[in-house]
Amino acid sequence: MQNFLNDDLNTRRRSAGVNRRLQDAVARRDRYLSRHPHLRPYQAEIDRVLDKSGSVHGRMAVLGTLIHGKLIEMQKELRKLNQFLQ
């Protein structure tokens, strides 16, 4: 019984720590977006897609896909810049 209580307490402590980190991350994101308002539409797109992703694994897959898409866009722009500079 004591182990069960200790496990429950440890789980609640971990959960509280995760919630604090999440709240801190969201607050930092909001401050960043207030300094860079042109990124708000992209954040809104991310939020909209993540809301529909379901599980944590689904959310990670969506984030990976979004990041991959932006990296491809950056690569195209870098190619254009490189051609311009040559």
PDB file of N, CA and C in Angstrom:
ATOM      1  N   MET A   1       0.817  -1.187   0.000  1.00  0.00           N
ATOM      2  CA  MET A   1       0.000   0.000   0.000  1.00  0.00           C
ATOM      3  C   MET A   1       0.867   1.260   0.000  1.00  0.00           C
ATOM      4  N   GLN A   2       1.952   1.235   0.782  1.00  0.00           N
ATOM      5  CA  GLN A   2       2.843   2.403   0.848  1.00  0.00           C
ATOM      6  C   GLN A   2       3.475   2.677  -0.516  1.00  0.00           C
ATOM      7  N   ASN A   3       3.881   1.608  -1.242  1.00  0.00           N
ATOM      8  CA  ASN A   3       4.455   1.805  -2.572  1.00  0.00           C
ATOM      9  C   ASN A   3       3.450   2.457  -3.512  1.00  0.00           C
ATOM     10  N   PHE A   4       2.196   2.039  -3.424  1.00  0.00           N
ATOM     11  CA  PHE A   4       1.153   2.631  -4.257  1.00  0.00           C
ATOM     12  C   PHE A   4       1.027   4.123  -3.976  1.00  0.00           C
ATOM     13  N   LEU A   5       1.039   4.494  -2.693  1.00  0.00           N
ATOM     14  CA  LEU A   5       0.930   5.903  -2.329  1.00  0.00           C
ATOM     15  C   LEU A   5       2.133   6.694  -2.807  1.00  0.00           C
ATOM     16  N   ASN A   6       3.331   6.115  -2.662  1.00  0.00           N
ATOM     17  CA  ASN A   6       4.545   6.780  -3.144  1.00  0.00           C
ATOM     18  C   ASN A   6       4.507   6.941  -4.653  1.00  0.00           C
ATOM     19  N   ASP A   7       4.067   5.894  -5.373  1.00  0.00           N
ATOM     20  CA  ASP A   7       3.973   5.975  -6.833  1.00  0.00           C
ATOM     21  C   ASP A   7       2.983   7.052  -7.250  1.00  0.00           C
ATOM     22  N   ASP A   8       1.845   7.126  -6.550  1.00  0.00           N
ATOM     23  CA  ASP A   8       0.837   8.134  -6.864  1.00  0.00           C
ATOM     24  C   ASP A   8       1.388   9.535  -6.611  1.00  0.00           C
ATOM     25  N   LEU A   9       2.105   9.724  -5.525  1.00  0.00           N
ATOM     26  CA  LEU A   9       2.694  11.016  -5.202  1.00  0.00           C
ATOM     27  C   LEU A   9       3.731  11.394  -6.252  1.00  0.00           C
ATOM     28  N   ASN A  10       4.576  10.451  -6.623  1.00  0.00           N
ATOM     29  CA  ASN A  10       5.590  10.717  -7.646  1.00  0.00           C
ATOM     30  C   ASN A  10       4.948  11.069  -8.987  1.00  0.00           C
ATOM     31  N   THR A  11       3.873  10.385  -9.334  1.00  0.00           N
ATOM     32  CA  THR A  11       3.165  10.672 -10.585  1.00  0.00           C
ATOM     33  C   THR A  11       2.596  12.087 -10.558  1.00  0.00           C
ATOM     34  N   ARG A  12       1.990  12.467  -9.438  1.00  0.00           N
ATOM     35  CA  ARG A  12       1.430  13.820  -9.327  1.00  0.00           C
ATOM     36  C   ARG A  12       2.524  14.879  -9.380  1.00  0.00           C
ATOM     37  N   ARG A  13       3.681  14.606  -8.769  1.00  0.00           N
ATOM     38  CA  ARG A  13       4.791  15.571  -8.811  1.00  0.00           C
ATOM     39  C   ARG A  13       5.308  15.732 -10.235  1.00  0.00           C
ATOM     40  N   ARG A  14       5.462  14.604 -10.937  1.00  0.00           N
ATOM     41  CA  ARG A  14       5.912  14.675 -12.326  1.00  0.00           C
ATOM     42  C   ARG A  14       4.915  15.449 -13.175  1.00  0.00           C
ATOM     43  N   SER A  15       3.643  15.177 -12.957  1.00  0.00           N
ATOM     44  CA  SER A  15       2.587  15.858 -13.712  1.00  0.00           C
ATOM     45  C   SER A  15       2.614  17.357 -13.429  1.00  0.00           C
ATOM     46  N   ALA A  16       2.804  17.743 -12.180  1.00  0.00           N
ATOM     47  CA  ALA A  16       2.871  19.168 -11.829  1.00  0.00           C
ATOM     48  C   ALA A  16       4.081  19.815 -12.498  1.00  0.00           C
ATOM     49  N   GLY A  17       5.204  19.099 -12.525  1.00  0.00           N
ATOM     50  CA  GLY A  17       6.406  19.620 -13.180  1.00  0.00           C
ATOM     51  C   GLY A  17       6.209  19.792 -14.677  1.00  0.00           C
ATOM     52  N   VAL A  18       5.548  18.836 -15.293  1.00  0.00           N
ATOM     53  CA  VAL A  18       5.262  18.924 -16.721  1.00  0.00           C
ATOM     54  C   VAL A  18       4.334  20.092 -16.991  1.00  0.00           C
ATOM     55  N   ASN A  19       3.300  20.247 -16.169  1.00  0.00           N
ATOM     56  CA  ASN A  19       2.361  21.363 -16.348  1.00  0.00           C
ATOM     57  C   ASN A  19       3.064  22.708 -16.219  1.00  0.00           C
ATOM     58  N   ARG A  20       3.975  22.831 -15.254  1.00  0.00           N
ATOM     59  CA  ARG A  20       4.720  24.090 -15.092  1.00  0.00           C
ATOM     60  C   ARG A  20       5.585  24.362 -16.310  1.00  0.00           C
ATOM     61  N   ARG A  21       6.261  23.327 -16.805  1.00  0.00           N
ATOM     62  CA  ARG A  21       7.109  23.507 -17.993  1.00  0.00           C
ATOM     63  C   ARG A  21       6.268  23.881 -19.205  1.00  0.00           C
ATOM     64  N   LEU A  22       5.114  23.248 -19.326  1.00  0.00           N
ATOM     65  CA  LEU A  22       4.228  23.560 -20.441  1.00  0.00           C
ATOM     66  C   LEU A  22       3.733  25.003 -20.347  1.00  0.00           C
ATOM     67  N   GLN A  23       3.319  25.421 -19.162  1.00  0.00           N
ATOM     68  CA  GLN A  23       2.865  26.794 -18.984  1.00  0.00           C
ATOM     69  C   GLN A  23       3.979  27.785 -19.283  1.00  0.00           C
ATOM     70  N   ASP A  24       5.189  27.466 -18.864  1.00  0.00           N
ATOM     71  CA  ASP A  24       6.338  28.329 -19.131  1.00  0.00           C
ATOM     72  C   ASP A  24       6.605  28.397 -20.636  1.00  0.00           C
ATOM     73  N   ALA A  25       6.545  27.261 -21.313  1.00  0.00           N
ATOM     74  CA  ALA A  25       6.789  27.232 -22.758  1.00  0.00           C
ATOM     75  C   ALA A  25       5.732  28.036 -23.510  1.00  0.00           C
ATOM     76  N   VAL A  26       4.486  27.904 -23.119  1.00  0.00           N
ATOM     77  CA  VAL A  26       3.406  28.662 -23.773  1.00  0.00           C
ATOM     78  C   VAL A  26       3.590  30.158 -23.522  1.00  0.00           C
ATOM     79  N   ALA A  27       3.978  30.532 -22.318  1.00  0.00           N
ATOM     80  CA  ALA A  27       4.206  31.948 -22.017  1.00  0.00           C
ATOM     81  C   ALA A  27       5.364  32.494 -22.849  1.00  0.00           C
ATOM     82  N   ARG A  28       6.445  31.709 -22.987  1.00  0.00           N
ATOM     83  CA  ARG A  28       7.580  32.148 -23.814  1.00  0.00           C
ATOM     84  C   ARG A  28       7.162  32.272 -25.278  1.00  0.00           C
ATOM     85  N   ARG A  29       6.348  31.313 -25.750  1.00  0.00           N
ATOM     86  CA  ARG A  29       5.852  31.376 -27.126  1.00  0.00           C
ATOM     87  C   ARG A  29       5.027  32.639 -27.338  1.00  0.00           C
ATOM     88  N   ASP A  30       4.147  32.924 -26.401  1.00  0.00           N
ATOM     89  CA  ASP A  30       3.297  34.109 -26.522  1.00  0.00           C
ATOM     90  C   ASP A  30       4.120  35.397 -26.531  1.00  0.00           C
ATOM     91  N   ARG A  31       5.153  35.451 -25.690  1.00  0.00           N
ATOM     92  CA  ARG A  31       6.028  36.635 -25.696  1.00  0.00           C
ATOM     93  C   ARG A  31       6.751  36.753 -27.038  1.00  0.00           C
ATOM     94  N   TYR A  32       7.227  35.635 -27.561  1.00  0.00           N
ATOM     95  CA  TYR A  32       7.913  35.633 -28.849  1.00  0.00           C
ATOM     96  C   TYR A  32       6.975  36.118 -29.955  1.00  0.00           C
ATOM     97  N   LEU A  33       5.738  35.607 -29.953  1.00  0.00           N
ATOM     98  CA  LEU A  33       4.781  36.013 -30.980  1.00  0.00           C
ATOM     99  C   LEU A  33       4.392  37.486 -30.838  1.00  0.00           C
ATOM    100  N   SER A  34       4.402  38.002 -29.629  1.00  0.00           N
ATOM    101  CA  SER A  34       4.100  39.429 -29.475  1.00  0.00           C
ATOM    102  C   SER A  34       5.216  40.288 -30.063  1.00  0.00           C
ATOM    103  N   ARG A  35       6.453  39.781 -30.054  1.00  0.00           N
ATOM    104  CA  ARG A  35       7.574  40.506 -30.657  1.00  0.00           C
ATOM    105  C   ARG A  35       7.657  40.277 -32.162  1.00  0.00           C
ATOM    106  N   HIS A  36       7.046  39.182 -32.651  1.00  0.00           N
ATOM    107  CA  HIS A  36       7.095  38.819 -34.073  1.00  0.00           C
ATOM    108  C   HIS A  36       5.683  38.495 -34.561  1.00  0.00           C
ATOM    109  N   PRO A  37       4.823  39.501 -34.635  1.00  0.00           N
ATOM    110  CA  PRO A  37       3.416  39.246 -34.972  1.00  0.00           C
ATOM    111  C   PRO A  37       3.198  38.646 -36.357  1.00  0.00           C
ATOM    112  N   HIS A  38       4.155  38.811 -37.258  1.00  0.00           N
ATOM    113  CA  HIS A  38       4.012  38.234 -38.599  1.00  0.00           C
ATOM    114  C   HIS A  38       3.999  36.704 -38.570  1.00  0.00           C
ATOM    115  N   LEU A  39       4.416  36.107 -37.446  1.00  0.00           N
ATOM    116  CA  LEU A  39       4.426  34.648 -37.320  1.00  0.00           C
ATOM    117  C   LEU A  39       3.122  34.093 -36.744  1.00  0.00           C
ATOM    118  N   ARG A  40       2.230  34.961 -36.314  1.00  0.00           N
ATOM    119  CA  ARG A  40       0.962  34.499 -35.723  1.00  0.00           C
ATOM    120  C   ARG A  40       0.141  33.609 -36.657  1.00  0.00           C
ATOM    121  N   PRO A  41       0.026  33.940 -37.951  1.00  0.00           N
ATOM    122  CA  PRO A  41      -0.757  33.046 -38.832  1.00  0.00           C
ATOM    123  C   PRO A  41      -0.157  31.634 -38.909  1.00  0.00           C
ATOM    124  N   TYR A  42       1.158  31.546 -38.932  1.00  0.00           N
ATOM    125  CA  TYR A  42       1.791  30.228 -38.968  1.00  0.00           C
ATOM    126  C   TYR A  42       1.517  29.472 -37.664  1.00  0.00           C
ATOM    127  N   GLN A  43       1.589  30.159 -36.520  1.00  0.00           N
ATOM    128  CA  GLN A  43       1.276  29.517 -35.242  1.00  0.00           C
ATOM    129  C   GLN A  43      -0.173  29.069 -35.208  1.00  0.00           C
ATOM    130  N   ALA A  44      -1.068  29.882 -35.774  1.00  0.00           N
ATOM    131  CA  ALA A  44      -2.486  29.503 -35.825  1.00  0.00           C
ATOM    132  C   ALA A  44      -2.674  28.240 -36.667  1.00  0.00           C
ATOM    133  N   GLU A  45      -1.928  28.136 -37.758  1.00  0.00           N
ATOM    134  CA  GLU A  45      -1.986  26.923 -38.594  1.00  0.00           C
ATOM    135  C   GLU A  45      -1.496  25.715 -37.807  1.00  0.00           C
ATOM    136  N   ILE A  46      -0.401  25.879 -37.100  1.00  0.00           N
ATOM    137  CA  ILE A  46       0.143  24.785 -36.283  1.00  0.00           C
ATOM    138  C   ILE A  46      -0.887  24.357 -35.241  1.00  0.00           C
ATOM    139  N   ASP A  47      -1.468  25.315 -34.529  1.00  0.00           N
ATOM    140  CA  ASP A  47      -2.457  24.997 -33.496  1.00  0.00           C
ATOM    141  C   ASP A  47      -3.657  24.265 -34.091  1.00  0.00           C
ATOM    142  N   ARG A  48      -4.131  24.739 -35.250  1.00  0.00           N
ATOM    143  CA  ARG A  48      -5.296  24.124 -35.894  1.00  0.00           C
ATOM    144  C   ARG A  48      -5.011  22.672 -36.265  1.00  0.00           C
ATOM    145  N   VAL A  49      -3.849  22.422 -36.849  1.00  0.00           N
ATOM    146  CA  VAL A  49      -3.503  21.063 -37.262  1.00  0.00           C
ATOM    147  C   VAL A  49      -3.271  20.168 -36.048  1.00  0.00           C
ATOM    148  N   LEU A  50      -2.587  20.683 -35.028  1.00  0.00           N
ATOM    149  CA  LEU A  50      -2.317  19.878 -33.833  1.00  0.00           C
ATOM    150  C   LEU A  50      -3.589  19.526 -33.081  1.00  0.00           C
ATOM    151  N   ASP A  51      -4.574  20.416 -33.120  1.00  0.00           N
ATOM    152  CA  ASP A  51      -5.848  20.128 -32.450  1.00  0.00           C
ATOM    153  C   ASP A  51      -6.525  18.894 -33.029  1.00  0.00           C
ATOM    154  N   LYS A  52      -6.247  18.603 -34.293  1.00  0.00           N
ATOM    155  CA  LYS A  52      -6.873  17.467 -34.965  1.00  0.00           C
ATOM    156  C   LYS A  52      -6.002  16.207 -34.967  1.00  0.00           C
ATOM    157  N   SER A  53      -4.806  16.287 -34.388  1.00  0.00           N
ATOM    158  CA  SER A  53      -3.844  15.193 -34.522  1.00  0.00           C
ATOM    159  C   SER A  53      -4.057  14.043 -33.544  1.00  0.00           C
ATOM    160  N   GLY A  54      -4.814  14.233 -32.488  1.00  0.00           N
ATOM    161  CA  GLY A  54      -5.107  13.146 -31.562  1.00  0.00           C
ATOM    162  C   GLY A  54      -4.021  12.931 -30.531  1.00  0.00           C
ATOM    163  N   SER A  55      -3.291  11.858 -30.666  1.00  0.00           N
ATOM    164  CA  SER A  55      -2.320  11.427 -29.656  1.00  0.00           C
ATOM    165  C   SER A  55      -1.031  12.243 -29.702  1.00  0.00           C
ATOM    166  N   VAL A  56      -0.194  12.008 -28.708  1.00  0.00           N
ATOM    167  CA  VAL A  56       1.125  12.643 -28.661  1.00  0.00           C
ATOM    168  C   VAL A  56       1.937  12.240 -29.879  1.00  0.00           C
ATOM    169  N   HIS A  57       1.846  10.976 -30.267  1.00  0.00           N
ATOM    170  CA  HIS A  57       2.595  10.509 -31.446  1.00  0.00           C
ATOM    171  C   HIS A  57       2.102  11.202 -32.703  1.00  0.00           C
ATOM    172  N   GLY A  58       0.798  11.394 -32.795  1.00  0.00           N
ATOM    173  CA  GLY A  58       0.239  12.112 -33.935  1.00  0.00           C
ATOM    174  C   GLY A  58       0.713  13.551 -33.975  1.00  0.00           C
ATOM    175  N   ARG A  59       0.776  14.171 -32.804  1.00  0.00           N
ATOM    176  CA  ARG A  59       1.240  15.561 -32.728  1.00  0.00           C
ATOM    177  C   ARG A  59       2.697  15.667 -33.165  1.00  0.00           C
ATOM    178  N   MET A  60       3.517  14.724 -32.724  1.00  0.00           N
ATOM    179  CA  MET A  60       4.927  14.744 -33.122  1.00  0.00           C
ATOM    180  C   MET A  60       5.075  14.525 -34.628  1.00  0.00           C
ATOM    181  N   ALA A  61       4.272  13.638 -35.195  1.00  0.00           N
ATOM    182  CA  ALA A  61       4.318  13.397 -36.637  1.00  0.00           C
ATOM    183  C   ALA A  61       3.913  14.652 -37.402  1.00  0.00           C
ATOM    184  N   VAL A  62       2.881  15.335 -36.921  1.00  0.00           N
ATOM    185  CA  VAL A  62       2.440  16.571 -37.567  1.00  0.00           C
ATOM    186  C   VAL A  62       3.534  17.627 -37.489  1.00  0.00           C
ATOM    187  N   LEU A  63       4.133  17.788 -36.330  1.00  0.00           N
ATOM    188  CA  LEU A  63       5.214  18.764 -36.188  1.00  0.00           C
ATOM    189  C   LEU A  63       6.376  18.445 -37.116  1.00  0.00           C
ATOM    190  N   GLY A  64       6.723  17.174 -37.209  1.00  0.00           N
ATOM    191  CA  GLY A  64       7.791  16.758 -38.120  1.00  0.00           C
ATOM    192  C   GLY A  64       7.463  17.109 -39.563  1.00  0.00           C
ATOM    193  N   THR A  65       6.221  16.880 -39.962  1.00  0.00           N
ATOM    194  CA  THR A  65       5.795  17.191 -41.324  1.00  0.00           C
ATOM    195  C   THR A  65       5.832  18.696 -41.577  1.00  0.00           C
ATOM    196  N   LEU A  66       5.339  19.485 -40.630  1.00  0.00           N
ATOM    197  CA  LEU A  66       5.368  20.939 -40.787  1.00  0.00           C
ATOM    198  C   LEU A  66       6.800  21.464 -40.874  1.00  0.00           C
ATOM    199  N   ILE A  67       7.663  20.964 -40.015  1.00  0.00           N
ATOM    200  CA  ILE A  67       9.066  21.395 -40.033  1.00  0.00           C
ATOM    201  C   ILE A  67       9.716  20.991 -41.350  1.00  0.00           C
ATOM    202  N   HIS A  68       9.456  19.782 -41.801  1.00  0.00           N
ATOM    203  CA  HIS A  68      10.024  19.306 -43.057  1.00  0.00           C
ATOM    204  C   HIS A  68       9.582  20.202 -44.218  1.00  0.00           C
ATOM    205  N   GLY A  69       8.312  20.558 -44.237  1.00  0.00           N
ATOM    206  CA  GLY A  69       7.807  21.439 -45.290  1.00  0.00           C
ATOM    207  C   GLY A  69       8.498  22.788 -45.289  1.00  0.00           C
ATOM    208  N   LYS A  70       8.689  23.355 -44.105  1.00  0.00           N
ATOM    209  CA  LYS A  70       9.370  24.657 -44.020  1.00  0.00           C
ATOM    210  C   LYS A  70      10.841  24.539 -44.422  1.00  0.00           C
ATOM    211  N   LEU A  71      11.479  23.422 -44.091  1.00  0.00           N
ATOM    212  CA  LEU A  71      12.866  23.229 -44.505  1.00  0.00           C
ATOM    213  C   LEU A  71      12.984  23.142 -46.025  1.00  0.00           C
ATOM    214  N   ILE A  72      12.029  22.503 -46.665  1.00  0.00           N
ATOM    215  CA  ILE A  72      12.025  22.429 -48.128  1.00  0.00           C
ATOM    216  C   ILE A  72      11.867  23.829 -48.723  1.00  0.00           C
ATOM    217  N   GLU A  73      10.955  24.630 -48.153  1.00  0.00           N
ATOM    218  CA  GLU A  73      10.787  26.011 -48.615  1.00  0.00           C
ATOM    219  C   GLU A  73      12.080  26.801 -48.462  1.00  0.00           C
ATOM    220  N   MET A  74      12.752  26.637 -47.322  1.00  0.00           N
ATOM    221  CA  MET A  74      14.016  27.350 -47.094  1.00  0.00           C
ATOM    222  C   MET A  74      15.074  26.904 -48.085  1.00  0.00           C
ATOM    223  N   GLN A  75      15.118  25.608 -48.371  1.00  0.00           N
ATOM    224  CA  GLN A  75      16.096  25.090 -49.324  1.00  0.00           C
ATOM    225  C   GLN A  75      15.877  25.713 -50.710  1.00  0.00           C
ATOM    226  N   LYS A  76      14.627  25.830 -51.130  1.00  0.00           N
ATOM    227  CA  LYS A  76      14.319  26.453 -52.424  1.00  0.00           C
ATOM    228  C   LYS A  76      14.779  27.906 -52.445  1.00  0.00           C
ATOM    229  N   GLU A  77      14.520  28.622 -51.368  1.00  0.00           N
ATOM    230  CA  GLU A  77      14.933  30.023 -51.300  1.00  0.00           C
ATOM    231  C   GLU A  77      16.452  30.154 -51.301  1.00  0.00           C
ATOM    232  N   LEU A  78      17.135  29.252 -50.626  1.00  0.00           N
ATOM    233  CA  LEU A  78      18.595  29.284 -50.617  1.00  0.00           C
ATOM    234  C   LEU A  78      19.166  28.999 -52.003  1.00  0.00           C
ATOM    235  N   ARG A  79      18.527  28.102 -52.747  1.00  0.00           N
ATOM    236  CA  ARG A  79      18.961  27.843 -54.129  1.00  0.00           C
ATOM    237  C   ARG A  79      18.815  29.092 -54.989  1.00  0.00           C
ATOM    238  N   LYS A  80      17.678  29.788 -54.835  1.00  0.00           N
ATOM    239  CA  LYS A  80      17.469  31.031 -55.588  1.00  0.00           C
ATOM    240  C   LYS A  80      18.538  32.055 -55.233  1.00  0.00           C
ATOM    241  N   LEU A  81      18.817  32.194 -53.948  1.00  0.00           N
ATOM    242  CA  LEU A  81      19.827  33.142 -53.491  1.00  0.00           C
ATOM    243  C   LEU A  81      21.191  32.774 -54.033  1.00  0.00           C
ATOM    244  N   ASN A  82      21.504  31.493 -53.997  1.00  0.00           N
ATOM    245  CA  ASN A  82      22.783  31.030 -54.503  1.00  0.00           C
ATOM    246  C   ASN A  82      22.929  31.326 -55.994  1.00  0.00           C
ATOM    247  N   GLN A  83      21.869  31.109 -56.761  1.00  0.00           N
ATOM    248  CA  GLN A  83      21.906  31.424 -58.205  1.00  0.00           C
ATOM    249  C   GLN A  83      22.097  32.924 -58.415  1.00  0.00           C
ATOM    250  N   PHE A  84      21.439  33.712 -57.612  1.00  0.00           N
ATOM    251  CA  PHE A  84      21.550  35.164 -57.723  1.00  0.00           C
ATOM    252  C   PHE A  84      22.980  35.633 -57.441  1.00  0.00           C
ATOM    253  N   LEU A  85      23.626  34.994 -56.468  1.00  0.00           N
ATOM    254  CA  LEU A  85      24.964  35.391 -56.062  1.00  0.00           C
ATOM    255  C   LEU A  85      26.047  34.927 -57.034  1.00  0.00           C
ATOM    256  N   GLN A  86      25.746  33.989 -57.872  1.00  0.00           N
ATOM    257  CA  GLN A  86      26.779  33.471 -58.790  1.00  0.00           C
ATOM    258  C   GLN A  86      26.911  34.297 -60.025  1.00  0.00           C
TER     259      GLN A  86
END
